[in-house]
Amino acid sequence: MPLPEFSAEMDPEQKEQMVANAIKASSFLKAISHQGRLMILCHLVSGEKSVTELEQLLSARQAAVSQQLSRLRLEGLVIPRRDGKAIYYRLADDKARRVLEVVYDIFCNDGD
């Protein structure tokens, strides 16, 4: 899909919508811009994982993983589910997966 062309002749409603979309996009990109959060999202692409599983996959302490999961939850990128003492996380929707596919294609899939 080509990017739209923006011009000075845009009506005020279009400009307001553009600003609102830029704010949402900026928040999303800030949330995934941290290495730890990005790695968590990459692991969640394959399906729901417990905090313990994520700790092991990331070789990280529980406190660090929980802190990053809190930020991802605050931004609406992951959804928690409690099962007894364990908490499981999954991607909230397809937006993160789509962006991760592009990031993977650019940074991981070209052999550089």
PDB file of N, CA and C in Angstrom:
ATOM      1  N   MET A   1       0.849  -1.175   0.000  1.00  0.00           N
ATOM      2  CA  MET A   1       0.000   0.000   0.000  1.00  0.00           C
ATOM      3  C   MET A   1       0.899   1.244   0.000  1.00  0.00           C
ATOM      4  N   PRO A   2       0.722   2.139  -0.952  1.00  0.00           N
ATOM      5  CA  PRO A   2       1.548   3.352  -0.994  1.00  0.00           C
ATOM      6  C   PRO A   2       1.160   4.319   0.124  1.00  0.00           C
ATOM      7  N   LEU A   3       2.138   5.094   0.552  1.00  0.00           N
ATOM      8  CA  LEU A   3       1.862   6.107   1.568  1.00  0.00           C
ATOM      9  C   LEU A   3       1.053   7.238   0.952  1.00  0.00           C
ATOM     10  N   PRO A   4       0.140   7.828   1.721  1.00  0.00           N
ATOM     11  CA  PRO A   4      -0.644   8.946   1.192  1.00  0.00           C
ATOM     12  C   PRO A   4       0.233  10.190   1.053  1.00  0.00           C
ATOM     13  N   GLU A   5      -0.184  11.069   0.178  1.00  0.00           N
ATOM     14  CA  GLU A   5       0.523  12.341   0.018  1.00  0.00           C
ATOM     15  C   GLU A   5      -0.137  13.372   0.924  1.00  0.00           C
ATOM     16  N   PHE A   6       0.700  14.062   1.681  1.00  0.00           N
ATOM     17  CA  PHE A   6       0.201  15.097   2.579  1.00  0.00           C
ATOM     18  C   PHE A   6       0.475  16.460   1.966  1.00  0.00           C
ATOM     19  N   SER A   7      -0.478  17.354   2.135  1.00  0.00           N
ATOM     20  CA  SER A   7      -0.311  18.679   1.546  1.00  0.00           C
ATOM     21  C   SER A   7      -0.895  19.746   2.467  1.00  0.00           C
ATOM     22  N   ALA A   8      -0.548  20.983   2.167  1.00  0.00           N
ATOM     23  CA  ALA A   8      -1.044  22.121   2.937  1.00  0.00           C
ATOM     24  C   ALA A   8      -2.543  22.313   2.736  1.00  0.00           C
ATOM     25  N   GLU A   9      -3.084  21.729   1.684  1.00  0.00           N
ATOM     26  CA  GLU A   9      -4.511  21.888   1.381  1.00  0.00           C
ATOM     27  C   GLU A   9      -5.400  20.903   2.138  1.00  0.00           C
ATOM     28  N   MET A  10      -4.827  20.095   3.014  1.00  0.00           N
ATOM     29  CA  MET A  10      -5.626  19.136   3.778  1.00  0.00           C
ATOM     30  C   MET A  10      -6.595  19.894   4.679  1.00  0.00           C
ATOM     31  N   ASP A  11      -7.799  19.354   4.842  1.00  0.00           N
ATOM     32  CA  ASP A  11      -8.755  20.019   5.715  1.00  0.00           C
ATOM     33  C   ASP A  11      -8.368  19.752   7.176  1.00  0.00           C
ATOM     34  N   PRO A  12      -8.843  20.591   8.108  1.00  0.00           N
ATOM     35  CA  PRO A  12      -8.451  20.475   9.521  1.00  0.00           C
ATOM     36  C   PRO A  12      -8.739  19.095  10.129  1.00  0.00           C
ATOM     37  N   GLU A  13      -9.839  18.478   9.730  1.00  0.00           N
ATOM     38  CA  GLU A  13     -10.172  17.155  10.264  1.00  0.00           C
ATOM     39  C   GLU A  13      -9.123  16.120   9.847  1.00  0.00           C
ATOM     40  N   GLN A  14      -8.666  16.191   8.606  1.00  0.00           N
ATOM     41  CA  GLN A  14      -7.626  15.278   8.135  1.00  0.00           C
ATOM     42  C   GLN A  14      -6.317  15.502   8.894  1.00  0.00           C
ATOM     43  N   LYS A  15      -5.995  16.762   9.137  1.00  0.00           N
ATOM     44  CA  LYS A  15      -4.767  17.086   9.873  1.00  0.00           C
ATOM     45  C   LYS A  15      -4.839  16.565  11.308  1.00  0.00           C
ATOM     46  N   GLU A  16      -5.999  16.724  11.954  1.00  0.00           N
ATOM     47  CA  GLU A  16      -6.179  16.217  13.318  1.00  0.00           C
ATOM     48  C   GLU A  16      -6.039  14.705  13.355  1.00  0.00           C
ATOM     49  N   GLN A  17      -6.617  14.034  12.375  1.00  0.00           N
ATOM     50  CA  GLN A  17      -6.505  12.580  12.310  1.00  0.00           C
ATOM     51  C   GLN A  17      -5.057  12.157  12.090  1.00  0.00           C
ATOM     52  N   MET A  18      -4.346  12.909  11.288  1.00  0.00           N
ATOM     53  CA  MET A  18      -2.937  12.620  11.038  1.00  0.00           C
ATOM     54  C   MET A  18      -2.126  12.736  12.326  1.00  0.00           C
ATOM     55  N   VAL A  19      -2.382  13.758  13.116  1.00  0.00           N
ATOM     56  CA  VAL A  19      -1.683  13.944  14.394  1.00  0.00           C
ATOM     57  C   VAL A  19      -2.036  12.807  15.353  1.00  0.00           C
ATOM     58  N   ALA A  20      -3.310  12.464  15.435  1.00  0.00           N
ATOM     59  CA  ALA A  20      -3.734  11.366  16.320  1.00  0.00           C
ATOM     60  C   ALA A  20      -3.062  10.057  15.913  1.00  0.00           C
ATOM     61  N   ASN A  21      -2.994   9.775  14.625  1.00  0.00           N
ATOM     62  CA  ASN A  21      -2.339   8.562  14.146  1.00  0.00           C
ATOM     63  C   ASN A  21      -0.843   8.583  14.444  1.00  0.00           C
ATOM     64  N   ALA A  22      -0.218   9.757  14.316  1.00  0.00           N
ATOM     65  CA  ALA A  22       1.214   9.882  14.605  1.00  0.00           C
ATOM     66  C   ALA A  22       1.491   9.624  16.088  1.00  0.00           C
ATOM     67  N   ILE A  23       0.604  10.077  16.952  1.00  0.00           N
ATOM     68  CA  ILE A  23       0.766   9.843  18.391  1.00  0.00           C
ATOM     69  C   ILE A  23       0.663   8.357  18.693  1.00  0.00           C
ATOM     70  N   LYS A  24      -0.332   7.680  18.115  1.00  0.00           N
ATOM     71  CA  LYS A  24      -0.474   6.240  18.339  1.00  0.00           C
ATOM     72  C   LYS A  24       0.742   5.480  17.808  1.00  0.00           C
ATOM     73  N   ALA A  25       1.188   5.835  16.612  1.00  0.00           N
ATOM     74  CA  ALA A  25       2.336   5.151  16.013  1.00  0.00           C
ATOM     75  C   ALA A  25       3.597   5.380  16.836  1.00  0.00           C
ATOM     76  N   SER A  26       3.783   6.597  17.316  1.00  0.00           N
ATOM     77  CA  SER A  26       4.956   6.926  18.125  1.00  0.00           C
ATOM     78  C   SER A  26       4.975   6.130  19.423  1.00  0.00           C
ATOM     79  N   SER A  27       3.851   6.016  20.087  1.00  0.00           N
ATOM     80  CA  SER A  27       3.764   5.235  21.327  1.00  0.00           C
ATOM     81  C   SER A  27       4.073   3.767  21.059  1.00  0.00           C
ATOM     82  N   PHE A  28       3.534   3.243  19.977  1.00  0.00           N
ATOM     83  CA  PHE A  28       3.779   1.856  19.602  1.00  0.00           C
ATOM     84  C   PHE A  28       5.264   1.634  19.349  1.00  0.00           C
ATOM     85  N   LEU A  29       5.870   2.506  18.557  1.00  0.00           N
ATOM     86  CA  LEU A  29       7.282   2.346  18.215  1.00  0.00           C
ATOM     87  C   LEU A  29       8.192   2.511  19.437  1.00  0.00           C
ATOM     88  N   LYS A  30       7.832   3.407  20.350  1.00  0.00           N
ATOM     89  CA  LYS A  30       8.606   3.548  21.592  1.00  0.00           C
ATOM     90  C   LYS A  30       8.535   2.266  22.417  1.00  0.00           C
ATOM     91  N   ALA A  31       7.365   1.665  22.446  1.00  0.00           N
ATOM     92  CA  ALA A  31       7.181   0.444  23.237  1.00  0.00           C
ATOM     93  C   ALA A  31       8.030  -0.702  22.709  1.00  0.00           C
ATOM     94  N   ILE A  32       8.194  -0.809  21.395  1.00  0.00           N
ATOM     95  CA  ILE A  32       8.968  -1.923  20.847  1.00  0.00           C
ATOM     96  C   ILE A  32      10.437  -1.567  20.634  1.00  0.00           C
ATOM     97  N   SER A  33      10.824  -0.331  20.943  1.00  0.00           N
ATOM     98  CA  SER A  33      12.191   0.103  20.667  1.00  0.00           C
ATOM     99  C   SER A  33      13.219  -0.403  21.679  1.00  0.00           C
ATOM    100  N   HIS A  34      12.800  -1.041  22.728  1.00  0.00           N
ATOM    101  CA  HIS A  34      13.709  -1.593  23.730  1.00  0.00           C
ATOM    102  C   HIS A  34      14.050  -3.034  23.365  1.00  0.00           C
ATOM    103  N   GLN A  35      15.322  -3.379  23.417  1.00  0.00           N
ATOM    104  CA  GLN A  35      15.778  -4.717  23.031  1.00  0.00           C
ATOM    105  C   GLN A  35      15.027  -5.824  23.764  1.00  0.00           C
ATOM    106  N   GLY A  36      14.855  -5.689  25.065  1.00  0.00           N
ATOM    107  CA  GLY A  36      14.168  -6.714  25.848  1.00  0.00           C
ATOM    108  C   GLY A  36      12.711  -6.863  25.457  1.00  0.00           C
ATOM    109  N   ARG A  37      12.033  -5.747  25.264  1.00  0.00           N
ATOM    110  CA  ARG A  37      10.618  -5.804  24.860  1.00  0.00           C
ATOM    111  C   ARG A  37      10.485  -6.379  23.459  1.00  0.00           C
ATOM    112  N   LEU A  38      11.391  -6.005  22.581  1.00  0.00           N
ATOM    113  CA  LEU A  38      11.365  -6.530  21.223  1.00  0.00           C
ATOM    114  C   LEU A  38      11.553  -8.045  21.228  1.00  0.00           C
ATOM    115  N   MET A  39      12.477  -8.535  22.040  1.00  0.00           N
ATOM    116  CA  MET A  39      12.718  -9.977  22.125  1.00  0.00           C
ATOM    117  C   MET A  39      11.505 -10.708  22.714  1.00  0.00           C
ATOM    118  N   ILE A  40      10.863 -10.109  23.700  1.00  0.00           N
ATOM    119  CA  ILE A  40       9.649 -10.714  24.268  1.00  0.00           C
ATOM    120  C   ILE A  40       8.594 -10.848  23.179  1.00  0.00           C
ATOM    121  N   LEU A  41       8.372  -9.797  22.427  1.00  0.00           N
ATOM    122  CA  LEU A  41       7.375  -9.839  21.358  1.00  0.00           C
ATOM    123  C   LEU A  41       7.739 -10.892  20.314  1.00  0.00           C
ATOM    124  N   CYS A  42       9.022 -10.995  19.995  1.00  0.00           N
ATOM    125  CA  CYS A  42       9.458 -12.017  19.026  1.00  0.00           C
ATOM    126  C   CYS A  42       9.108 -13.416  19.528  1.00  0.00           C
ATOM    127  N   HIS A  43       9.316 -13.667  20.809  1.00  0.00           N
ATOM    128  CA  HIS A  43       8.987 -14.981  21.372  1.00  0.00           C
ATOM    129  C   HIS A  43       7.480 -15.220  21.410  1.00  0.00           C
ATOM    130  N   LEU A  44       6.706 -14.165  21.614  1.00  0.00           N
ATOM    131  CA  LEU A  44       5.254 -14.318  21.694  1.00  0.00           C
ATOM    132  C   LEU A  44       4.598 -14.494  20.328  1.00  0.00           C
ATOM    133  N   VAL A  45       5.324 -14.202  19.266  1.00  0.00           N
ATOM    134  CA  VAL A  45       4.771 -14.409  17.922  1.00  0.00           C
ATOM    135  C   VAL A  45       4.397 -15.873  17.730  1.00  0.00           C
ATOM    136  N   SER A  46       5.176 -16.774  18.324  1.00  0.00           N
ATOM    137  CA  SER A  46       4.909 -18.205  18.145  1.00  0.00           C
ATOM    138  C   SER A  46       3.806 -18.725  19.067  1.00  0.00           C
ATOM    139  N   GLY A  47       3.315 -17.870  19.969  1.00  0.00           N
ATOM    140  CA  GLY A  47       2.220 -18.274  20.844  1.00  0.00           C
ATOM    141  C   GLY A  47       2.430 -17.836  22.278  1.00  0.00           C
ATOM    142  N   GLU A  48       1.427 -18.100  23.074  1.00  0.00           N
ATOM    143  CA  GLU A  48       1.407 -17.722  24.489  1.00  0.00           C
ATOM    144  C   GLU A  48       2.586 -18.349  25.237  1.00  0.00           C
ATOM    145  N   LYS A  49       3.165 -17.561  26.145  1.00  0.00           N
ATOM    146  CA  LYS A  49       4.281 -18.039  26.969  1.00  0.00           C
ATOM    147  C   LYS A  49       4.072 -17.559  28.405  1.00  0.00           C
ATOM    148  N   SER A  50       4.543 -18.367  29.349  1.00  0.00           N
ATOM    149  CA  SER A  50       4.504 -17.948  30.752  1.00  0.00           C
ATOM    150  C   SER A  50       5.690 -17.032  31.028  1.00  0.00           C
ATOM    151  N   VAL A  51       5.615 -16.311  32.122  1.00  0.00           N
ATOM    152  CA  VAL A  51       6.726 -15.460  32.522  1.00  0.00           C
ATOM    153  C   VAL A  51       7.974 -16.313  32.718  1.00  0.00           C
ATOM    154  N   THR A  52       7.822 -17.484  33.319  1.00  0.00           N
ATOM    155  CA  THR A  52       8.955 -18.385  33.538  1.00  0.00           C
ATOM    156  C   THR A  52       9.573 -18.816  32.207  1.00  0.00           C
ATOM    157  N   GLU A  53       8.743 -19.151  31.230  1.00  0.00           N
ATOM    158  CA  GLU A  53       9.261 -19.525  29.906  1.00  0.00           C
ATOM    159  C   GLU A  53      10.037 -18.368  29.287  1.00  0.00           C
ATOM    160  N   LEU A  54       9.490 -17.170  29.405  1.00  0.00           N
ATOM    161  CA  LEU A  54      10.171 -16.000  28.842  1.00  0.00           C
ATOM    162  C   LEU A  54      11.500 -15.749  29.541  1.00  0.00           C
ATOM    163  N   GLU A  55      11.536 -15.919  30.862  1.00  0.00           N
ATOM    164  CA  GLU A  55      12.801 -15.770  31.606  1.00  0.00           C
ATOM    165  C   GLU A  55      13.858 -16.705  31.033  1.00  0.00           C
ATOM    166  N   GLN A  56      13.475 -17.957  30.809  1.00  0.00           N
ATOM    167  CA  GLN A  56      14.417 -18.953  30.293  1.00  0.00           C
ATOM    168  C   GLN A  56      14.829 -18.628  28.858  1.00  0.00           C
ATOM    169  N   LEU A  57      13.885 -18.272  28.021  1.00  0.00           N
ATOM    170  CA  LEU A  57      14.187 -17.961  26.628  1.00  0.00           C
ATOM    171  C   LEU A  57      15.103 -16.748  26.496  1.00  0.00           C
ATOM    172  N   LEU A  58      14.926 -15.786  27.392  1.00  0.00           N
ATOM    173  CA  LEU A  58      15.691 -14.542  27.335  1.00  0.00           C
ATOM    174  C   LEU A  58      16.949 -14.582  28.198  1.00  0.00           C
ATOM    175  N   SER A  59      17.095 -15.630  29.009  1.00  0.00           N
ATOM    176  CA  SER A  59      18.189 -15.705  29.990  1.00  0.00           C
ATOM    177  C   SER A  59      18.221 -14.430  30.837  1.00  0.00           C
ATOM    178  N   ALA A  60      17.045 -14.069  31.332  1.00  0.00           N
ATOM    179  CA  ALA A  60      16.899 -12.835  32.105  1.00  0.00           C
ATOM    180  C   ALA A  60      16.226 -13.128  33.446  1.00  0.00           C
ATOM    181  N   ARG A  61      16.446 -12.224  34.388  1.00  0.00           N
ATOM    182  CA  ARG A  61      15.811 -12.357  35.703  1.00  0.00           C
ATOM    183  C   ARG A  61      14.320 -12.038  35.606  1.00  0.00           C
ATOM    184  N   GLN A  62      13.574 -12.619  36.539  1.00  0.00           N
ATOM    185  CA  GLN A  62      12.121 -12.433  36.563  1.00  0.00           C
ATOM    186  C   GLN A  62      11.751 -10.968  36.680  1.00  0.00           C
ATOM    187  N   ALA A  63      12.476 -10.216  37.488  1.00  0.00           N
ATOM    188  CA  ALA A  63      12.153  -8.797  37.685  1.00  0.00           C
ATOM    189  C   ALA A  63      12.287  -8.016  36.378  1.00  0.00           C
ATOM    190  N   ALA A  64      13.323  -8.302  35.612  1.00  0.00           N
ATOM    191  CA  ALA A  64      13.536  -7.593  34.348  1.00  0.00           C
ATOM    192  C   ALA A  64      12.452  -7.947  33.341  1.00  0.00           C
ATOM    193  N   VAL A  65      12.124  -9.222  33.243  1.00  0.00           N
ATOM    194  CA  VAL A  65      11.085  -9.667  32.310  1.00  0.00           C
ATOM    195  C   VAL A  65       9.736  -9.065  32.706  1.00  0.00           C
ATOM    196  N   SER A  66       9.419  -9.099  33.979  1.00  0.00           N
ATOM    197  CA  SER A  66       8.143  -8.545  34.450  1.00  0.00           C
ATOM    198  C   SER A  66       8.049  -7.052  34.184  1.00  0.00           C
ATOM    199  N   GLN A  67       9.153  -6.340  34.356  1.00  0.00           N
ATOM    200  CA  GLN A  67       9.154  -4.893  34.099  1.00  0.00           C
ATOM    201  C   GLN A  67       8.843  -4.620  32.624  1.00  0.00           C
ATOM    202  N   GLN A  68       9.456  -5.371  31.724  1.00  0.00           N
ATOM    203  CA  GLN A  68       9.216  -5.154  30.303  1.00  0.00           C
ATOM    204  C   GLN A  68       7.799  -5.589  29.907  1.00  0.00           C
ATOM    205  N   LEU A  69       7.322  -6.662  30.500  1.00  0.00           N
ATOM    206  CA  LEU A  69       5.950  -7.097  30.234  1.00  0.00           C
ATOM    207  C   LEU A  69       4.940  -6.054  30.713  1.00  0.00           C
ATOM    208  N   SER A  70       5.232  -5.408  31.834  1.00  0.00           N
ATOM    209  CA  SER A  70       4.340  -4.354  32.345  1.00  0.00           C
ATOM    210  C   SER A  70       4.215  -3.219  31.341  1.00  0.00           C
ATOM    211  N   ARG A  71       5.336  -2.827  30.760  1.00  0.00           N
ATOM    212  CA  ARG A  71       5.310  -1.747  29.765  1.00  0.00           C
ATOM    213  C   ARG A  71       4.524  -2.184  28.525  1.00  0.00           C
ATOM    214  N   LEU A  72       4.761  -3.412  28.071  1.00  0.00           N
ATOM    215  CA  LEU A  72       4.039  -3.915  26.910  1.00  0.00           C
ATOM    216  C   LEU A  72       2.540  -4.016  27.181  1.00  0.00           C
ATOM    217  N   ARG A  73       2.187  -4.396  28.409  1.00  0.00           N
ATOM    218  CA  ARG A  73       0.773  -4.477  28.791  1.00  0.00           C
ATOM    219  C   ARG A  73       0.161  -3.075  28.845  1.00  0.00           C
ATOM    220  N   LEU A  74       0.887  -2.123  29.410  1.00  0.00           N
ATOM    221  CA  LEU A  74       0.428  -0.736  29.496  1.00  0.00           C
ATOM    222  C   LEU A  74       0.157  -0.163  28.102  1.00  0.00           C
ATOM    223  N   GLU A  75       0.990  -0.529  27.148  1.00  0.00           N
ATOM    224  CA  GLU A  75       0.834  -0.034  25.775  1.00  0.00           C
ATOM    225  C   GLU A  75      -0.193  -0.836  24.974  1.00  0.00           C
ATOM    226  N   GLY A  76      -0.759  -1.882  25.594  1.00  0.00           N
ATOM    227  CA  GLY A  76      -1.787  -2.671  24.929  1.00  0.00           C
ATOM    228  C   GLY A  76      -1.259  -3.654  23.900  1.00  0.00           C
ATOM    229  N   LEU A  77       0.024  -4.025  24.018  1.00  0.00           N
ATOM    230  CA  LEU A  77       0.614  -4.941  23.041  1.00  0.00           C
ATOM    231  C   LEU A  77       0.526  -6.401  23.448  1.00  0.00           C
ATOM    232  N   VAL A  78       0.391  -6.665  24.751  1.00  0.00           N
ATOM    233  CA  VAL A  78       0.256  -8.041  25.233  1.00  0.00           C
ATOM    234  C   VAL A  78      -0.933  -8.136  26.180  1.00  0.00           C
ATOM    235  N   ILE A  79      -1.444  -9.357  26.303  1.00  0.00           N
ATOM    236  CA  ILE A  79      -2.573  -9.622  27.198  1.00  0.00           C
ATOM    237  C   ILE A  79      -2.162 -10.737  28.152  1.00  0.00           C
ATOM    238  N   PRO A  80      -2.325 -10.495  29.460  1.00  0.00           N
ATOM    239  CA  PRO A  80      -1.980 -11.538  30.430  1.00  0.00           C
ATOM    240  C   PRO A  80      -3.157 -12.469  30.700  1.00  0.00           C
ATOM    241  N   ARG A  81      -2.817 -13.683  31.139  1.00  0.00           N
ATOM    242  CA  ARG A  81      -3.825 -14.649  31.584  1.00  0.00           C
ATOM    243  C   ARG A  81      -3.225 -15.393  32.770  1.00  0.00           C
ATOM    244  N   ARG A  82      -3.964 -15.403  33.872  1.00  0.00           N
ATOM    245  CA  ARG A  82      -3.481 -16.085  35.078  1.00  0.00           C
ATOM    246  C   ARG A  82      -4.033 -17.503  35.113  1.00  0.00           C
ATOM    247  N   ASP A  83      -3.143 -18.444  35.448  1.00  0.00           N
ATOM    248  CA  ASP A  83      -3.532 -19.840  35.624  1.00  0.00           C
ATOM    249  C   ASP A  83      -2.851 -20.306  36.910  1.00  0.00           C
ATOM    250  N   GLY A  84      -3.582 -20.251  38.017  1.00  0.00           N
ATOM    251  CA  GLY A  84      -2.978 -20.547  39.316  1.00  0.00           C
ATOM    252  C   GLY A  84      -1.957 -19.480  39.652  1.00  0.00           C
ATOM    253  N   LYS A  85      -0.727 -19.913  39.929  1.00  0.00           N
ATOM    254  CA  LYS A  85       0.331 -18.947  40.240  1.00  0.00           C
ATOM    255  C   LYS A  85       1.036 -18.432  38.988  1.00  0.00           C
ATOM    256  N   ALA A  86       0.853 -19.101  37.870  1.00  0.00           N
ATOM    257  CA  ALA A  86       1.544 -18.724  36.634  1.00  0.00           C
ATOM    258  C   ALA A  86       0.758 -17.661  35.873  1.00  0.00           C
ATOM    259  N   ILE A  87       1.490 -16.756  35.250  1.00  0.00           N
ATOM    260  CA  ILE A  87       0.889 -15.752  34.376  1.00  0.00           C
ATOM    261  C   ILE A  87       1.430 -15.984  32.972  1.00  0.00           C
ATOM    262  N   TYR A  88       0.510 -16.053  32.023  1.00  0.00           N
ATOM    263  CA  TYR A  88       0.851 -16.278  30.627  1.00  0.00           C
ATOM    264  C   TYR A  88       0.560 -15.003  29.841  1.00  0.00           C
ATOM    265  N   TYR A  89       1.370 -14.767  28.823  1.00  0.00           N
ATOM    266  CA  TYR A  89       1.182 -13.592  27.978  1.00  0.00           C
ATOM    267  C   TYR A  89       1.062 -14.014  26.524  1.00  0.00           C
ATOM    268  N   ARG A  90       0.277 -13.227  25.788  1.00  0.00           N
ATOM    269  CA  ARG A  90       0.139 -13.418  24.345  1.00  0.00           C
ATOM    270  C   ARG A  90       0.040 -12.042  23.701  1.00  0.00           C
ATOM    271  N   LEU A  91       0.261 -11.997  22.401  1.00  0.00           N
ATOM    272  CA  LEU A  91       0.114 -10.741  21.673  1.00  0.00           C
ATOM    273  C   LEU A  91      -1.342 -10.302  21.719  1.00  0.00           C
ATOM    274  N   ALA A  92      -1.566  -9.014  21.877  1.00  0.00           N
ATOM    275  CA  ALA A  92      -2.922  -8.487  21.984  1.00  0.00           C
ATOM    276  C   ALA A  92      -3.652  -8.498  20.646  1.00  0.00           C
ATOM    277  N   ASP A  93      -2.918  -8.265  19.568  1.00  0.00           N
ATOM    278  CA  ASP A  93      -3.532  -8.258  18.238  1.00  0.00           C
ATOM    279  C   ASP A  93      -2.440  -8.488  17.200  1.00  0.00           C
ATOM    280  N   ASP A  94      -2.786  -8.302  15.954  1.00  0.00           N
ATOM    281  CA  ASP A  94      -1.871  -8.626  14.863  1.00  0.00           C
ATOM    282  C   ASP A  94      -0.887  -7.504  14.523  1.00  0.00           C
ATOM    283  N   LYS A  95      -1.064  -6.309  15.101  1.00  0.00           N
ATOM    284  CA  LYS A  95      -0.186  -5.179  14.759  1.00  0.00           C
ATOM    285  C   LYS A  95       1.279  -5.491  15.039  1.00  0.00           C
ATOM    286  N   ALA A  96       1.575  -5.986  16.227  1.00  0.00           N
ATOM    287  CA  ALA A  96       2.966  -6.272  16.584  1.00  0.00           C
ATOM    288  C   ALA A  96       3.545  -7.335  15.660  1.00  0.00           C
ATOM    289  N   ARG A  97       2.780  -8.373  15.380  1.00  0.00           N
ATOM    290  CA  ARG A  97       3.261  -9.434  14.485  1.00  0.00           C
ATOM    291  C   ARG A  97       3.623  -8.862  13.112  1.00  0.00           C
ATOM    292  N   ARG A  98       2.778  -8.016  12.576  1.00  0.00           N
ATOM    293  CA  ARG A  98       3.026  -7.435  11.252  1.00  0.00           C
ATOM    294  C   ARG A  98       4.292  -6.588  11.247  1.00  0.00           C
ATOM    295  N   VAL A  99       4.483  -5.780  12.284  1.00  0.00           N
ATOM    296  CA  VAL A  99       5.691  -4.950  12.367  1.00  0.00           C
ATOM    297  C   VAL A  99       6.924  -5.825  12.557  1.00  0.00           C
ATOM    298  N   LEU A 100       6.821  -6.855  13.394  1.00  0.00           N
ATOM    299  CA  LEU A 100       7.954  -7.749  13.618  1.00  0.00           C
ATOM    300  C   LEU A 100       8.344  -8.482  12.337  1.00  0.00           C
ATOM    301  N   GLU A 101       7.388  -8.824  11.513  1.00  0.00           N
ATOM    302  CA  GLU A 101       7.701  -9.467  10.236  1.00  0.00           C
ATOM    303  C   GLU A 101       8.528  -8.541   9.355  1.00  0.00           C
ATOM    304  N   VAL A 102       8.174  -7.258   9.333  1.00  0.00           N
ATOM    305  CA  VAL A 102       8.942  -6.287   8.541  1.00  0.00           C
ATOM    306  C   VAL A 102      10.336  -6.104   9.139  1.00  0.00           C
ATOM    307  N   VAL A 103      10.413  -5.969  10.462  1.00  0.00           N
ATOM    308  CA  VAL A 103      11.713  -5.816  11.131  1.00  0.00           C
ATOM    309  C   VAL A 103      12.584  -7.037  10.856  1.00  0.00           C
ATOM    310  N   TYR A 104      11.999  -8.221  10.954  1.00  0.00           N
ATOM    311  CA  TYR A 104      12.743  -9.447  10.681  1.00  0.00           C
ATOM    312  C   TYR A 104      13.252  -9.455   9.242  1.00  0.00           C
ATOM    313  N   ASP A 105      12.386  -9.096   8.313  1.00  0.00           N
ATOM    314  CA  ASP A 105      12.761  -9.095   6.911  1.00  0.00           C
ATOM    315  C   ASP A 105      13.919  -8.126   6.644  1.00  0.00           C
ATOM    316  N   ILE A 106      13.888  -6.969   7.274  1.00  0.00           N
ATOM    317  CA  ILE A 106      14.929  -5.957   7.053  1.00  0.00           C
ATOM    318  C   ILE A 106      16.234  -6.310   7.769  1.00  0.00           C
ATOM    319  N   PHE A 107      16.150  -6.736   9.032  1.00  0.00           N
ATOM    320  CA  PHE A 107      17.353  -6.882   9.848  1.00  0.00           C
ATOM    321  C   PHE A 107      17.865  -8.309  10.024  1.00  0.00           C
ATOM    322  N   CYS A 108      17.035  -9.298   9.796  1.00  0.00           N
ATOM    323  CA  CYS A 108      17.442 -10.681  10.102  1.00  0.00           C
ATOM    324  C   CYS A 108      17.454 -11.606   8.896  1.00  0.00           C
ATOM    325  N   ASN A 109      16.689 -11.305   7.907  1.00  0.00           N
ATOM    326  CA  ASN A 109      16.480 -12.234   6.809  1.00  0.00           C
ATOM    327  C   ASN A 109      17.347 -11.949   5.591  1.00  0.00           C
ATOM    328  N   ASP A 110      18.162 -10.899   5.640  1.00  0.00           N
ATOM    329  CA  ASP A 110      18.924 -10.543   4.437  1.00  0.00           C
ATOM    330  C   ASP A 110      20.383 -11.000   4.492  1.00  0.00           C
ATOM    331  N   GLY A 111      20.748 -11.721   5.532  1.00  0.00           N
ATOM    332  CA  GLY A 111      22.105 -12.253   5.616  1.00  0.00           C
ATOM    333  C   GLY A 111      23.147 -11.286   6.106  1.00  0.00           C
ATOM    334  N   ASP A 112      22.784 -10.062   6.457  1.00  0.00           N
ATOM    335  CA  ASP A 112      23.765  -9.079   6.973  1.00  0.00           C
ATOM    336  C   ASP A 112      24.089  -9.318   8.415  1.00  0.00           C
TER     337      ASP A 112
END
